[in-house]
PDB file of N, CA and C in Angstrom:
ATOM      1  N   MET A   1       0.860  -1.177   0.000  1.00  0.00           N
ATOM      2  CA  MET A   1       0.000   0.000   0.000  1.00  0.00           C
ATOM      3  C   MET A   1       0.899   1.230   0.000  1.00  0.00           C
ATOM      4  N   VAL A   2       0.609   2.146  -0.898  1.00  0.00           N
ATOM      5  CA  VAL A   2       1.311   3.423  -0.974  1.00  0.00           C
ATOM      6  C   VAL A   2       0.327   4.497  -0.545  1.00  0.00           C
ATOM      7  N   ASP A   3       0.704   5.290   0.462  1.00  0.00           N
ATOM      8  CA  ASP A   3      -0.144   6.388   0.934  1.00  0.00           C
ATOM      9  C   ASP A   3       0.417   7.706   0.437  1.00  0.00           C
ATOM     10  N   ILE A   4      -0.445   8.529  -0.160  1.00  0.00           N
ATOM     11  CA  ILE A   4      -0.076   9.873  -0.596  1.00  0.00           C
ATOM     12  C   ILE A   4      -1.044  10.833   0.069  1.00  0.00           C
ATOM     13  N   GLU A   5      -0.495  11.799   0.815  1.00  0.00           N
ATOM     14  CA  GLU A   5      -1.347  12.805   1.453  1.00  0.00           C
ATOM     15  C   GLU A   5      -1.085  14.146   0.789  1.00  0.00           C
ATOM     16  N   LEU A   6      -2.146  14.770   0.294  1.00  0.00           N
ATOM     17  CA  LEU A   6      -2.046  16.054  -0.396  1.00  0.00           C
ATOM     18  C   LEU A   6      -2.595  17.175   0.474  1.00  0.00           C
ATOM     19  N   ARG A   7      -1.935  18.308   0.423  1.00  0.00           N
ATOM     20  CA  ARG A   7      -2.426  19.541   1.033  1.00  0.00           C
ATOM     21  C   ARG A   7      -2.221  20.639  -0.006  1.00  0.00           C
ATOM     22  N   LEU A   8      -3.234  20.858  -0.832  1.00  0.00           N
ATOM     23  CA  LEU A   8      -3.145  21.861  -1.886  1.00  0.00           C
ATOM     24  C   LEU A   8      -4.053  23.033  -1.558  1.00  0.00           C
ATOM     25  N   GLY A   9      -3.500  24.231  -1.614  1.00  0.00           N
ATOM     26  CA  GLY A   9      -4.313  25.427  -1.438  1.00  0.00           C
ATOM     27  C   GLY A   9      -4.818  25.889  -2.795  1.00  0.00           C
ATOM     28  N   THR A  10      -3.884  26.423  -3.587  1.00  0.00           N
ATOM     29  CA  THR A  10      -4.185  26.800  -4.966  1.00  0.00           C
ATOM     30  C   THR A  10      -3.212  26.058  -5.861  1.00  0.00           C
ATOM     31  N   GLY A  11      -3.487  26.027  -7.128  1.00  0.00           N
ATOM     32  CA  GLY A  11      -2.643  25.267  -8.043  1.00  0.00           C
ATOM     33  C   GLY A  11      -3.169  23.857  -8.185  1.00  0.00           C
ATOM     34  N   GLY A  12      -2.495  23.078  -8.978  1.00  0.00           N
ATOM     35  CA  GLY A  12      -2.970  21.726  -9.219  1.00  0.00           C
ATOM     36  C   GLY A  12      -1.859  20.712  -9.076  1.00  0.00           C
ATOM     37  N   ALA A  13      -2.225  19.455  -9.223  1.00  0.00           N
ATOM     38  CA  ALA A  13      -1.262  18.361  -9.156  1.00  0.00           C
ATOM     39  C   ALA A  13      -1.666  17.295 -10.160  1.00  0.00           C
ATOM     40  N   LYS A  14      -0.660  16.627 -10.715  1.00  0.00           N
ATOM     41  CA  LYS A  14      -0.888  15.507 -11.622  1.00  0.00           C
ATOM     42  C   LYS A  14      -0.135  14.313 -11.067  1.00  0.00           C
ATOM     43  N   ILE A  15      -0.812  13.179 -10.998  1.00  0.00           N
ATOM     44  CA  ILE A  15      -0.191  11.952 -10.520  1.00  0.00           C
ATOM     45  C   ILE A  15      -0.397  10.887 -11.590  1.00  0.00           C
ATOM     46  N   THR A  16       0.697  10.259 -12.012  1.00  0.00           N
ATOM     47  CA  THR A  16       0.632   9.145 -12.945  1.00  0.00           C
ATOM     48  C   THR A  16       0.946   7.875 -12.171  1.00  0.00           C
ATOM     49  N   VAL A  17       0.048   6.919 -12.232  1.00  0.00           N
ATOM     50  CA  VAL A  17       0.205   5.668 -11.489  1.00  0.00           C
ATOM     51  C   VAL A  17       0.454   4.532 -12.484  1.00  0.00           C
ATOM     52  N   PRO A  18       1.011   3.408 -12.031  1.00  0.00           N
ATOM     53  CA  PRO A  18       1.216   2.272 -12.933  1.00  0.00           C
ATOM     54  C   PRO A  18      -0.100   1.780 -13.533  1.00  0.00           C
ATOM     55  N   ARG A  19       0.002   1.115 -14.666  1.00  0.00           N
ATOM     56  CA  ARG A  19      -1.194   0.632 -15.376  1.00  0.00           C
ATOM     57  C   ARG A  19      -2.066  -0.268 -14.524  1.00  0.00           C
ATOM     58  N   ASP A  20      -1.441  -1.109 -13.709  1.00  0.00           N
ATOM     59  CA  ASP A  20      -2.200  -2.085 -12.937  1.00  0.00           C
ATOM     60  C   ASP A  20      -2.505  -1.623 -11.515  1.00  0.00           C
ATOM     61  N   ALA A  21      -2.322  -0.342 -11.234  1.00  0.00           N
ATOM     62  CA  ALA A  21      -2.556   0.178  -9.883  1.00  0.00           C
ATOM     63  C   ALA A  21      -4.049   0.301  -9.588  1.00  0.00           C
ATOM     64  N   ILE A  22      -4.378   0.116  -8.325  1.00  0.00           N
ATOM     65  CA  ILE A  22      -5.737   0.337  -7.829  1.00  0.00           C
ATOM     66  C   ILE A  22      -5.670   1.588  -6.968  1.00  0.00           C
ATOM     67  N   VAL A  23      -6.454   2.598  -7.314  1.00  0.00           N
ATOM     68  CA  VAL A  23      -6.377   3.897  -6.647  1.00  0.00           C
ATOM     69  C   VAL A  23      -7.617   4.115  -5.791  1.00  0.00           C
ATOM     70  N   ASP A  24      -7.388   4.502  -4.533  1.00  0.00           N
ATOM     71  CA  ASP A  24      -8.472   4.795  -3.588  1.00  0.00           C
ATOM     72  C   ASP A  24      -8.413   6.284  -3.255  1.00  0.00           C
ATOM     73  N   VAL A  25      -9.472   7.032  -3.592  1.00  0.00           N
ATOM     74  CA  VAL A  25      -9.514   8.473  -3.330  1.00  0.00           C
ATOM     75  C   VAL A  25     -10.676   8.850  -2.412  1.00  0.00           C
ATOM     76  N   GLU A  26     -11.193   7.890  -1.671  1.00  0.00           N
ATOM     77  CA  GLU A  26     -12.361   8.157  -0.824  1.00  0.00           C
ATOM     78  C   GLU A  26     -12.086   9.170   0.279  1.00  0.00           C
ATOM     79  N   ASN A  27     -10.856   9.259   0.764  1.00  0.00           N
ATOM     80  CA  ASN A  27     -10.536  10.168   1.865  1.00  0.00           C
ATOM     81  C   ASN A  27      -9.961  11.491   1.388  1.00  0.00           C
ATOM     82  N   LEU A  28     -10.160  11.833   0.128  1.00  0.00           N
ATOM     83  CA  LEU A  28      -9.685  13.102  -0.415  1.00  0.00           C
ATOM     84  C   LEU A  28     -10.840  14.094  -0.444  1.00  0.00           C
ATOM     85  N   ARG A  29     -10.650  15.234   0.211  1.00  0.00           N
ATOM     86  CA  ARG A  29     -11.678  16.283   0.237  1.00  0.00           C
ATOM     87  C   ARG A  29     -11.315  17.353  -0.788  1.00  0.00           C
ATOM     88  N   THR A  30     -12.279  17.679  -1.639  1.00  0.00           N
ATOM     89  CA  THR A  30     -12.053  18.718  -2.641  1.00  0.00           C
ATOM     90  C   THR A  30     -12.895  19.932  -2.288  1.00  0.00           C
ATOM     91  N   GLY A  31     -12.351  21.106  -2.572  1.00  0.00           N
ATOM     92  CA  GLY A  31     -13.069  22.335  -2.257  1.00  0.00           C
ATOM     93  C   GLY A  31     -13.803  22.879  -3.465  1.00  0.00           C
ATOM     94  N   TRP A  32     -13.070  23.507  -4.352  1.00  0.00           N
ATOM     95  CA  TRP A  32     -13.668  24.232  -5.457  1.00  0.00           C
ATOM     96  C   TRP A  32     -13.855  23.360  -6.702  1.00  0.00           C
ATOM     97  N   LYS A  33     -12.849  22.621  -7.093  1.00  0.00           N
ATOM     98  CA  LYS A  33     -12.923  21.818  -8.319  1.00  0.00           C
ATOM     99  C   LYS A  33     -12.932  20.335  -7.980  1.00  0.00           C
ATOM    100  N   ASP A  34     -13.508  19.553  -8.872  1.00  0.00           N
ATOM    101  CA  ASP A  34     -13.590  18.114  -8.655  1.00  0.00           C
ATOM    102  C   ASP A  34     -12.317  17.412  -9.106  1.00  0.00           C
ATOM    103  N   LEU A  35     -12.179  16.225  -8.645  1.00  0.00           N
ATOM    104  CA  LEU A  35     -11.082  15.344  -9.013  1.00  0.00           C
ATOM    105  C   LEU A  35     -11.308  14.799 -10.420  1.00  0.00           C
ATOM    106  N   LEU A  36     -10.249  14.719 -11.221  1.00  0.00           N
ATOM    107  CA  LEU A  36     -10.349  14.128 -12.556  1.00  0.00           C
ATOM    108  C   LEU A  36      -9.667  12.766 -12.523  1.00  0.00           C
ATOM    109  N   TYR A  37     -10.469  11.710 -12.499  1.00  0.00           N
ATOM    110  CA  TYR A  37      -9.929  10.349 -12.469  1.00  0.00           C
ATOM    111  C   TYR A  37     -10.970   9.383 -12.996  1.00  0.00           C
ATOM    112  N   LYS A  38     -10.553   8.547 -13.933  1.00  0.00           N
ATOM    113  CA  LYS A  38     -11.407   7.471 -14.440  1.00  0.00           C
ATOM    114  C   LYS A  38     -10.745   6.154 -14.066  1.00  0.00           C
ATOM    115  N   PRO A  39     -11.343   5.396 -13.169  1.00  0.00           N
ATOM    116  CA  PRO A  39     -10.744   4.108 -12.819  1.00  0.00           C
ATOM    117  C   PRO A  39     -10.742   3.163 -14.018  1.00  0.00           C
ATOM    118  N   GLN A  40      -9.777   2.260 -14.026  1.00  0.00           N
ATOM    119  CA  GLN A  40      -9.739   1.276 -15.097  1.00  0.00           C
ATOM    120  C   GLN A  40     -10.947   0.367 -14.998  1.00  0.00           C
ATOM    121  N   ARG A  41     -11.409  -0.088 -16.141  1.00  0.00           N
ATOM    122  CA  ARG A  41     -12.594  -0.958 -16.157  1.00  0.00           C
ATOM    123  C   ARG A  41     -12.313  -2.286 -15.476  1.00  0.00           C
ATOM    124  N   ARG A  42     -11.193  -2.882 -15.812  1.00  0.00           N
ATOM    125  CA  ARG A  42     -10.828  -4.179 -15.232  1.00  0.00           C
ATOM    126  C   ARG A  42      -9.395  -4.111 -14.733  1.00  0.00           C
ATOM    127  N   PRO A  43      -9.194  -3.724 -13.488  1.00  0.00           N
ATOM    128  CA  PRO A  43      -7.812  -3.676 -12.990  1.00  0.00           C
ATOM    129  C   PRO A  43      -7.226  -5.079 -12.897  1.00  0.00           C
ATOM    130  N   ARG A  44      -5.957  -5.174 -13.215  1.00  0.00           N
ATOM    131  CA  ARG A  44      -5.274  -6.467 -13.122  1.00  0.00           C
ATOM    132  C   ARG A  44      -5.009  -6.795 -11.665  1.00  0.00           C
ATOM    133  N   PRO A  45      -5.188  -8.037 -11.278  1.00  0.00           N
ATOM    134  CA  PRO A  45      -4.903  -8.408  -9.892  1.00  0.00           C
ATOM    135  C   PRO A  45      -3.401  -8.356  -9.625  1.00  0.00           C
ATOM    136  N   GLY A  46      -3.046  -8.041  -8.396  1.00  0.00           N
ATOM    137  CA  GLY A  46      -1.647  -8.014  -8.002  1.00  0.00           C
ATOM    138  C   GLY A  46      -0.966  -6.677  -8.181  1.00  0.00           C
ATOM    139  N   GLY A  47      -1.673  -5.678  -8.681  1.00  0.00           N
ATOM    140  CA  GLY A  47      -1.075  -4.360  -8.864  1.00  0.00           C
ATOM    141  C   GLY A  47      -0.960  -3.620  -7.543  1.00  0.00           C
ATOM    142  N   PRO A  48      -0.164  -2.557  -7.511  1.00  0.00           N
ATOM    143  CA  PRO A  48      -0.014  -1.793  -6.271  1.00  0.00           C
ATOM    144  C   PRO A  48      -1.308  -1.076  -5.900  1.00  0.00           C
ATOM    145  N   LYS A  49      -1.520  -0.913  -4.604  1.00  0.00           N
ATOM    146  CA  LYS A  49      -2.680  -0.174  -4.106  1.00  0.00           C
ATOM    147  C   LYS A  49      -2.191   1.196  -3.652  1.00  0.00           C
ATOM    148  N   ILE A  50      -2.833   2.243  -4.157  1.00  0.00           N
ATOM    149  CA  ILE A  50      -2.434   3.611  -3.857  1.00  0.00           C
ATOM    150  C   ILE A  50      -3.612   4.316  -3.224  1.00  0.00           C
ATOM    151  N   ARG A  51      -3.394   4.839  -2.010  1.00  0.00           N
ATOM    152  CA  ARG A  51      -4.450   5.551  -1.291  1.00  0.00           C
ATOM    153  C   ARG A  51      -4.064   7.027  -1.244  1.00  0.00           C
ATOM    154  N   ILE A  52      -4.940   7.879  -1.789  1.00  0.00           N
ATOM    155  CA  ILE A  52      -4.690   9.315  -1.819  1.00  0.00           C
ATOM    156  C   ILE A  52      -5.680   9.978  -0.881  1.00  0.00           C
ATOM    157  N   SER A  53      -5.156  10.751   0.067  1.00  0.00           N
ATOM    158  CA  SER A  53      -6.006  11.425   1.046  1.00  0.00           C
ATOM    159  C   SER A  53      -5.536  12.864   1.187  1.00  0.00           C
ATOM    160  N   GLY A  54      -6.261  13.643   1.974  1.00  0.00           N
ATOM    161  CA  GLY A  54      -5.885  15.020   2.223  1.00  0.00           C
ATOM    162  C   GLY A  54      -6.989  15.983   1.835  1.00  0.00           C
ATOM    163  N   ALA A  55      -6.579  17.226   1.592  1.00  0.00           N
ATOM    164  CA  ALA A  55      -7.541  18.281   1.273  1.00  0.00           C
ATOM    165  C   ALA A  55      -6.999  19.152   0.151  1.00  0.00           C
ATOM    166  N   MET A  56      -7.916  19.603  -0.694  1.00  0.00           N
ATOM    167  CA  MET A  56      -7.576  20.492  -1.795  1.00  0.00           C
ATOM    168  C   MET A  56      -8.469  21.714  -1.724  1.00  0.00           C
ATOM    169  N   GLY A  57      -7.890  22.881  -1.941  1.00  0.00           N
ATOM    170  CA  GLY A  57      -8.666  24.113  -1.914  1.00  0.00           C
ATOM    171  C   GLY A  57      -9.221  24.437  -3.291  1.00  0.00           C
ATOM    172  N   TYR A  58      -8.484  25.299  -4.023  1.00  0.00           N
ATOM    173  CA  TYR A  58      -8.947  25.750  -5.335  1.00  0.00           C
ATOM    174  C   TYR A  58      -8.262  25.028  -6.487  1.00  0.00           C
ATOM    175  N   GLY A  59      -7.379  24.104  -6.198  1.00  0.00           N
ATOM    176  CA  GLY A  59      -6.657  23.397  -7.251  1.00  0.00           C
ATOM    177  C   GLY A  59      -7.421  22.193  -7.763  1.00  0.00           C
ATOM    178  N   ARG A  60      -6.829  21.543  -8.737  1.00  0.00           N
ATOM    179  CA  ARG A  60      -7.438  20.344  -9.318  1.00  0.00           C
ATOM    180  C   ARG A  60      -6.389  19.238  -9.344  1.00  0.00           C
ATOM    181  N   LEU A  61      -6.829  18.033  -9.026  1.00  0.00           N
ATOM    182  CA  LEU A  61      -5.962  16.865  -9.070  1.00  0.00           C
ATOM    183  C   LEU A  61      -6.349  16.011 -10.264  1.00  0.00           C
ATOM    184  N   ARG A  62      -5.341  15.640 -11.068  1.00  0.00           N
ATOM    185  CA  ARG A  62      -5.557  14.754 -12.210  1.00  0.00           C
ATOM    186  C   ARG A  62      -4.748  13.489 -11.970  1.00  0.00           C
ATOM    187  N   ILE A  63      -5.440  12.367 -12.008  1.00  0.00           N
ATOM    188  CA  ILE A  63      -4.788  11.072 -11.833  1.00  0.00           C
ATOM    189  C   ILE A  63      -4.989  10.288 -13.118  1.00  0.00           C
ATOM    190  N   ARG A  64      -3.905   9.717 -13.626  1.00  0.00           N
ATOM    191  CA  ARG A  64      -4.038   8.898 -14.828  1.00  0.00           C
ATOM    192  C   ARG A  64      -3.153   7.672 -14.696  1.00  0.00           C
ATOM    193  N   HIS A  65      -3.532   6.631 -15.415  1.00  0.00           N
ATOM    194  CA  HIS A  65      -2.742   5.404 -15.453  1.00  0.00           C
ATOM    195  C   HIS A  65      -1.730   5.509 -16.588  1.00  0.00           C
ATOM    196  N   ALA A  66      -0.526   5.006 -16.341  1.00  0.00           N
ATOM    197  CA  ALA A  66       0.518   5.017 -17.364  1.00  0.00           C
ATOM    198  C   ALA A  66       0.078   4.167 -18.549  1.00  0.00           C
ATOM    199  N   ARG A  67       0.511   4.549 -19.710  1.00  0.00           N
ATOM    200  CA  ARG A  67       0.128   3.810 -20.916  1.00  0.00           C
ATOM    201  C   ARG A  67       0.970   2.560 -21.095  1.00  0.00           C
ATOM    202  N   ARG A  68       2.182   2.573 -20.583  1.00  0.00           N
ATOM    203  CA  ARG A  68       3.071   1.409 -20.723  1.00  0.00           C
ATOM    204  C   ARG A  68       3.474   0.884 -19.394  1.00  0.00           C
TER     205      ARG A  68
END
């Protein structure tokens, strides 16, 4: 399990995760803008689990899976 805690006031962040990663964003609070993330339709078993938590003010977080 990889834990990432964000504290963003203004500005944005981009996170690229491995193709087979499972991303959990349930504990992430957004203020002004929504999170941009589309989970994979069928995640491969055995991939890393990434939990993103924290708070965001006026910024935007973009999470994407690596293409390779």
